[in-house]
Amino acid sequence: MVVLLEPRISGPLADSCISKIGYARSHRVKANGFSGGISILWQKNWSVEILVNHSQFVHMSICENDNFISFFTAVYAHPSLTIRNRVWPLLQLINDNIQAPWLIMGDFNSLLSSSERRGGSVNRSGICKPFLEWFTNSNLIDIGYKGPDFTWKRGLLHERLDRGLCNAAWRFKFQEDSITHLARISSNHRPLLMSFYGYVPPVKDRPFRFLQAWLSHSDFPEFNWSIEVFEHIFRKKKELLARISGIQRTLSVRQSPFLKLLEVKLMKELEEMLLREELFWFQKSRSDWVLWGDKSTFFFHQKTIRRRKRNRIELLKDDFDV
């Protein structure tokens, strides 16, 4: 499931972008111009029932193959304090009627403690008392996180505005799951990644095929056909994201003109790598009818995985039917 907050698009354009991402199902709270908006996308094997549809949150129940998983609330709390404070009593009402596992994630635009803020005015702690009271009265648990401490940045101000919360029933059911603060790319917010169990071993010894994405490499005419240079777009992308995340973590603690310039440089390299990845999956998916330029990498990846599954022989059966 993917949740997009404040997408800055609405109407037919938002519908078109959602359809290109590649998820079978979606629900959208319309944005008001460039403000607000919540888009939720999920796969068709999940059954999602929208229970409360509000401008600042969407509350739903989630089942997989007819088995109940959890209640889930995606939150985008309004930047205006007056409007934002209207949402906490509504979430308290939901909490009062839930005994089953409940996960709440999103941008709360609020802080629980002064340690979740660095920079800005020294006369402001940033703590939102109504948010803190709701969190305490609801007996909720902050799931915590891996990665840098702050999820939002503007100038020298860093804050942890985005988080995941849960009730005791959810924490007991999903004891080992965790949230990672990903690198901040083309936004002043970090995406949050909720990790669940599941591992698919890599497939080795793929047959050699020429890939159009290789043509985008500046050294293409000179390099040999090993993975030594092109190496895999995925590994390079992972390295760039790790370096950017590390730089952003350092910049949240101290200022460095050198690191700021390096961050800009690495961002440009990442954009180039994302283009190569898009070309790679475009060819691998064998879908020449999708327009380029939307960076719908997930769509191409999904198409390739489905094709591999169809082409794979998983067992041989003899005449004895055993």
Protein backbone atom coordinates (compact mmCIF):
# COMPACT_ATOMS: atom_id res chain seq x y z
CA MET A 1 0.00 0.00 0.00
CA VAL A 2 1.19 3.49 -0.87
CA VAL A 3 -0.11 6.69 0.73
CA LEU A 4 0.58 10.03 -0.98
CA LEU A 5 0.01 13.19 1.06
CA GLU A 6 -0.44 16.69 -0.34
CA PRO A 7 0.26 15.59 -3.94
CA ARG A 8 -0.20 19.16 -5.23
CA ILE A 9 -2.39 17.94 -8.08
CA SER A 10 -6.11 17.33 -8.27
CA GLY A 11 -8.93 16.42 -10.62
CA PRO A 12 -8.31 14.46 -13.84
CA LEU A 13 -4.55 15.03 -13.63
CA ALA A 14 -4.43 13.32 -10.21
CA ASP A 15 -6.55 10.43 -11.53
CA SER A 16 -4.23 10.04 -14.52
CA CYS A 17 -1.07 10.01 -12.36
CA ILE A 18 -2.55 7.47 -9.95
CA SER A 19 -3.53 5.14 -12.78
CA LYS A 20 0.02 5.20 -14.18
CA ILE A 21 1.67 4.17 -10.90
CA GLY A 22 0.43 0.63 -11.40
CA TYR A 23 -1.72 -0.24 -8.40
CA ALA A 24 -5.05 -1.91 -9.06
CA ARG A 25 -7.11 -0.03 -6.45
CA SER A 26 -7.10 3.51 -5.12
CA HIS A 27 -9.01 6.03 -3.03
CA ARG A 28 -8.51 9.78 -3.08
CA VAL A 29 -9.39 12.74 -0.89
CA LYS A 30 -9.30 15.68 -3.27
CA ALA A 31 -6.73 18.41 -2.78
CA ASN A 32 -7.78 22.03 -2.50
CA GLY A 33 -5.50 23.51 -5.14
CA PHE A 34 -1.94 22.88 -3.94
CA SER A 35 -3.11 22.31 -0.37
CA GLY A 36 -4.12 19.02 1.26
CA GLY A 37 -5.15 15.84 -0.47
CA ILE A 38 -4.67 12.17 0.40
CA SER A 39 -4.25 9.38 -2.17
CA ILE A 40 -4.19 5.72 -1.12
CA LEU A 41 -3.18 2.94 -3.53
CA TRP A 42 -3.20 -0.80 -2.95
CA GLN A 43 -3.05 -4.17 -4.70
CA LYS A 44 -6.18 -6.07 -5.66
CA ASN A 45 -5.53 -8.99 -3.29
CA TRP A 46 -6.16 -6.56 -0.43
CA SER A 47 -9.71 -5.73 0.56
CA VAL A 48 -9.96 -2.15 1.83
CA GLU A 49 -13.14 -0.71 3.28
CA ILE A 50 -13.17 3.06 3.78
CA LEU A 51 -14.87 3.73 7.11
CA VAL A 52 -14.30 7.47 7.58
CA ASN A 53 -13.42 9.91 4.81
CA HIS A 54 -12.24 13.27 6.16
CA SER A 55 -10.24 16.13 4.67
CA GLN A 56 -7.42 15.44 7.18
CA PHE A 57 -7.52 11.65 7.41
CA VAL A 58 -8.89 8.44 5.90
CA HIS A 59 -9.80 5.61 8.27
CA MET A 60 -10.18 2.10 6.85
CA SER A 61 -10.11 -1.60 7.58
CA ILE A 62 -7.70 -3.84 5.67
CA CYS A 63 -8.08 -7.53 4.87
CA GLU A 64 -5.88 -9.81 2.79
CA ASN A 65 -7.53 -12.81 1.15
CA ASP A 66 -10.55 -12.28 3.42
CA ASN A 67 -8.39 -12.31 6.56
CA PHE A 68 -8.56 -9.17 8.70
CA ILE A 69 -5.17 -7.50 9.11
CA SER A 70 -5.69 -4.18 10.81
CA PHE A 71 -7.47 -0.89 10.98
CA PHE A 72 -5.40 1.81 9.32
CA THR A 73 -5.66 5.60 9.36
CA ALA A 74 -3.70 7.76 6.92
CA VAL A 75 -3.31 11.27 8.36
CA TYR A 76 -2.51 14.61 6.81
CA ALA A 77 -3.05 17.13 9.61
CA HIS A 78 -3.61 20.67 8.40
CA PRO A 79 -0.69 23.14 8.73
CA SER A 80 -3.06 25.66 10.37
CA LEU A 81 -3.16 25.07 14.13
CA THR A 82 -6.84 26.02 14.40
CA ILE A 83 -7.94 23.62 11.66
CA ARG A 84 -5.52 20.89 12.76
CA ASN A 85 -6.81 20.86 16.34
CA ARG A 86 -10.26 19.85 15.08
CA VAL A 87 -8.94 16.46 14.01
CA TRP A 88 -7.72 15.13 17.39
CA PRO A 89 -11.22 14.73 18.95
CA LEU A 90 -12.34 12.85 15.83
CA LEU A 91 -9.40 10.46 16.07
CA GLN A 92 -10.13 10.05 19.78
CA LEU A 93 -13.66 8.89 18.91
CA ILE A 94 -12.20 6.27 16.56
CA ASN A 95 -9.79 5.12 19.26
CA ASP A 96 -12.59 4.76 21.81
CA ASN A 97 -14.34 2.24 19.55
CA ILE A 98 -11.36 0.10 18.50
CA GLN A 99 -10.08 -3.01 20.24
CA ALA A 100 -8.44 -4.62 17.20
CA PRO A 101 -4.98 -3.69 15.82
CA TRP A 102 -4.85 -0.07 14.65
CA LEU A 103 -2.05 1.69 12.76
CA ILE A 104 -1.96 5.47 12.23
CA MET A 105 0.65 6.94 9.88
CA GLY A 106 1.21 10.20 8.10
CA ASP A 107 2.11 13.86 8.44
CA PHE A 108 0.78 15.08 11.79
CA ASN A 109 2.34 18.55 11.45
CA SER A 110 2.92 18.36 15.22
CA LEU A 111 5.64 17.44 17.69
CA LEU A 112 5.47 15.36 20.86
CA SER A 113 8.68 16.68 22.44
CA SER A 114 11.25 19.44 22.03
CA SER A 115 13.85 16.83 20.95
CA GLU A 116 11.90 16.44 17.68
CA ARG A 117 12.91 19.93 16.60
CA ARG A 118 16.26 21.50 15.74
CA GLY A 119 16.88 25.07 14.61
CA GLY A 120 14.32 27.83 14.22
CA SER A 121 13.26 30.17 16.99
CA VAL A 122 14.77 29.42 20.40
CA ASN A 123 11.58 30.71 22.01
CA ARG A 124 9.46 27.92 20.51
CA SER A 125 9.50 24.31 21.66
CA GLY A 126 7.27 23.25 18.77
CA ILE A 127 5.27 20.90 21.03
CA CYS A 128 1.58 20.71 20.10
CA LYS A 129 -0.28 20.23 23.40
CA PRO A 130 -3.61 19.04 21.88
CA PHE A 131 -1.69 16.47 19.82
CA LEU A 132 0.25 15.34 22.89
CA GLU A 133 -2.97 15.07 24.94
CA TRP A 134 -4.65 12.98 22.24
CA PHE A 135 -1.60 10.72 21.96
CA THR A 136 -1.47 10.23 25.75
CA ASN A 137 -5.23 9.81 26.31
CA SER A 138 -5.46 7.26 23.50
CA ASN A 139 -2.69 5.11 25.03
CA LEU A 140 -0.95 5.02 21.68
CA ILE A 141 2.59 3.82 21.00
CA ASP A 142 5.13 5.64 18.85
CA ILE A 143 6.51 2.89 16.61
CA GLY A 144 9.85 4.64 16.35
CA TYR A 145 12.09 4.69 13.30
CA LYS A 146 15.37 3.82 11.65
CA GLY A 147 17.43 6.49 9.93
CA PRO A 148 17.78 10.26 10.44
CA ASP A 149 15.90 11.86 13.31
CA PHE A 150 13.95 14.50 11.40
CA THR A 151 11.47 14.02 8.56
CA TRP A 152 10.93 17.64 7.47
CA LYS A 153 13.32 20.49 6.66
CA ARG A 154 12.98 24.12 5.72
CA GLY A 155 16.14 26.22 5.78
CA LEU A 156 17.89 25.56 9.09
CA LEU A 157 14.74 24.19 10.75
CA HIS A 158 14.41 20.40 11.09
CA GLU A 159 11.39 18.66 12.63
CA ARG A 160 9.89 15.20 12.97
CA LEU A 161 6.42 15.89 11.61
CA ASP A 162 5.83 12.45 10.05
CA ARG A 163 5.47 9.30 12.14
CA GLY A 164 3.73 6.00 12.73
CA LEU A 165 1.59 5.34 15.79
CA CYS A 166 -0.27 2.23 16.88
CA ASN A 167 -2.31 0.78 19.70
CA ALA A 168 -1.15 -2.08 21.93
CA ALA A 169 -3.07 -4.68 19.89
CA TRP A 170 -1.20 -3.68 16.72
CA ARG A 171 2.19 -3.66 18.44
CA PHE A 172 1.54 -7.10 19.89
CA LYS A 173 0.51 -8.52 16.51
CA PHE A 174 3.37 -6.94 14.54
CA GLN A 175 6.21 -6.95 17.04
CA GLU A 176 9.14 -6.92 14.60
CA ASP A 177 7.87 -4.48 12.00
CA SER A 178 9.57 -1.11 11.75
CA ILE A 179 9.56 2.29 10.05
CA THR A 180 12.49 3.71 8.09
CA HIS A 181 12.99 7.40 7.30
CA LEU A 182 14.04 7.37 3.64
CA ALA A 183 16.10 10.00 1.83
CA ARG A 184 14.40 13.32 1.09
CA ILE A 185 14.18 13.63 -2.71
CA SER A 186 12.49 16.60 -4.44
CA SER A 187 10.50 17.34 -1.29
CA ASN A 188 11.04 18.84 2.14
CA HIS A 189 9.57 15.65 3.68
CA ARG A 190 11.15 12.21 4.00
CA PRO A 191 9.00 9.26 2.89
CA LEU A 192 8.21 6.72 5.60
CA LEU A 193 8.63 3.03 4.78
CA MET A 194 6.79 0.49 6.93
CA SER A 195 8.64 -2.83 6.59
CA PHE A 196 6.92 -6.18 6.99
CA TYR A 197 8.28 -9.71 6.75
CA GLY A 198 9.00 -11.24 3.37
CA TYR A 199 12.07 -12.12 1.34
CA VAL A 200 12.39 -13.25 -2.26
CA PRO A 201 15.85 -14.73 -3.06
CA PRO A 202 17.56 -13.21 -6.11
CA VAL A 203 17.52 -15.20 -9.34
CA LYS A 204 21.01 -15.82 -10.72
CA ASP A 205 22.45 -16.68 -14.11
CA ARG A 206 20.12 -14.62 -16.24
CA PRO A 207 20.80 -14.87 -19.99
CA PHE A 208 22.63 -11.94 -21.55
CA ARG A 209 20.47 -9.32 -23.26
CA PHE A 210 21.30 -5.88 -24.60
CA LEU A 211 19.47 -3.16 -22.67
CA GLN A 212 18.58 0.21 -24.15
CA ALA A 213 19.42 1.93 -20.84
CA TRP A 214 23.12 1.22 -21.53
CA LEU A 215 23.02 3.80 -24.33
CA SER A 216 22.51 6.54 -21.72
CA HIS A 217 25.92 5.84 -20.16
CA SER A 218 28.61 8.36 -21.24
CA ASP A 219 31.25 5.61 -21.51
CA PHE A 220 29.05 3.26 -23.55
CA PRO A 221 31.31 3.11 -26.68
CA GLU A 222 34.37 2.10 -24.61
CA PHE A 223 33.20 -0.27 -21.89
CA ASN A 224 33.10 -4.04 -22.27
CA TRP A 225 29.90 -6.03 -21.75
CA SER A 226 30.47 -6.97 -18.12
CA ILE A 227 28.61 -5.49 -15.17
CA GLU A 228 31.85 -3.76 -14.22
CA VAL A 229 30.74 -0.32 -15.51
CA PHE A 230 26.95 -0.40 -15.78
CA GLU A 231 26.74 -2.56 -12.76
CA HIS A 232 23.73 -2.48 -12.00
CA ILE A 233 21.68 0.59 -11.96
CA PHE A 234 20.07 -0.74 -8.79
CA ARG A 235 23.29 -0.93 -6.81
CA LYS A 236 24.36 2.56 -7.91
CA LYS A 237 20.91 3.91 -7.08
CA LYS A 238 21.10 2.31 -3.65
CA GLU A 239 24.55 3.82 -3.06
CA LEU A 240 23.37 7.29 -4.10
CA LEU A 241 20.33 7.11 -1.83
CA ALA A 242 22.54 5.99 1.06
CA ARG A 243 25.00 8.85 0.50
CA ILE A 244 22.23 11.43 0.17
CA SER A 245 20.58 10.13 3.33
CA GLY A 246 23.90 10.30 5.20
CA ILE A 247 24.55 13.86 4.04
CA GLN A 248 21.05 14.92 5.05
CA ARG A 249 21.54 13.30 8.46
CA THR A 250 24.75 15.30 8.97
CA LEU A 251 23.19 18.56 7.73
CA SER A 252 20.39 18.14 10.27
CA VAL A 253 23.07 18.35 12.99
CA ARG A 254 25.51 20.93 11.57
CA GLN A 255 25.78 23.18 8.55
CA SER A 256 28.41 22.51 5.87
CA PRO A 257 28.60 24.39 2.52
CA PHE A 258 30.63 21.51 1.09
CA LEU A 259 27.98 18.92 2.01
CA LYS A 260 25.20 21.12 0.62
CA LEU A 261 26.98 21.30 -2.75
CA LEU A 262 27.66 17.57 -2.64
CA GLU A 263 23.97 16.90 -1.93
CA VAL A 264 22.98 18.90 -5.04
CA LYS A 265 25.53 17.01 -7.13
CA LEU A 266 24.34 13.61 -5.90
CA MET A 267 20.71 14.60 -6.50
CA LYS A 268 21.56 15.25 -10.16
CA GLU A 269 23.32 11.87 -10.39
CA LEU A 270 20.27 10.22 -8.84
CA GLU A 271 17.99 11.82 -11.44
CA GLU A 272 20.19 10.36 -14.18
CA MET A 273 20.15 6.96 -12.50
CA LEU A 274 16.35 7.03 -12.20
CA LEU A 275 16.12 7.74 -15.93
CA ARG A 276 18.35 4.73 -16.66
CA GLU A 277 16.25 2.59 -14.34
CA GLU A 278 13.09 3.71 -16.14
CA LEU A 279 14.62 2.80 -19.51
CA PHE A 280 15.74 -0.54 -18.10
CA TRP A 281 12.30 -1.54 -16.83
CA PHE A 282 10.64 -0.09 -19.91
CA GLN A 283 12.48 -2.52 -22.14
CA LYS A 284 12.25 -5.42 -19.68
CA SER A 285 8.49 -4.97 -19.42
CA ARG A 286 8.10 -5.11 -23.22
CA SER A 287 5.43 -2.40 -22.96
CA ASP A 288 6.00 0.07 -25.77
CA TRP A 289 2.59 1.70 -25.39
CA VAL A 290 3.34 3.53 -22.14
CA LEU A 291 4.52 7.11 -22.61
CA TRP A 292 8.02 7.84 -21.28
CA GLY A 293 8.76 10.55 -18.76
CA ASP A 294 6.42 9.64 -15.90
CA LYS A 295 9.07 7.65 -13.99
CA SER A 296 6.49 4.90 -13.50
CA THR A 297 9.28 2.47 -12.57
CA PHE A 298 7.02 0.41 -10.35
CA PHE A 299 4.66 -0.28 -13.25
CA PHE A 300 7.48 -1.59 -15.45
CA HIS A 301 8.97 -3.63 -12.61
CA GLN A 302 5.59 -5.19 -11.87
CA LYS A 303 5.09 -6.12 -15.54
CA THR A 304 8.49 -7.83 -15.67
CA ILE A 305 7.88 -9.84 -12.49
CA ARG A 306 4.48 -11.02 -13.76
CA ARG A 307 6.01 -12.12 -17.07
CA ARG A 308 8.77 -14.03 -15.30
CA LYS A 309 6.23 -15.80 -13.17
CA ARG A 310 4.31 -16.93 -16.26
CA ASN A 311 7.49 -18.12 -17.96
CA ARG A 312 8.87 -20.07 -15.00
CA ILE A 313 8.50 -23.86 -14.72
CA GLU A 314 7.95 -24.66 -11.05
CA LEU A 315 7.51 -28.45 -11.24
CA LEU A 316 7.29 -31.46 -13.57
CA LYS A 317 4.48 -33.98 -13.25
CA ASP A 318 4.64 -37.62 -14.38
CA ASP A 319 1.87 -40.06 -15.34
CA PHE A 320 1.56 -41.38 -11.80
CA ASP A 321 0.15 -38.07 -10.57
CA VAL A 322 2.23 -38.06 -7.37
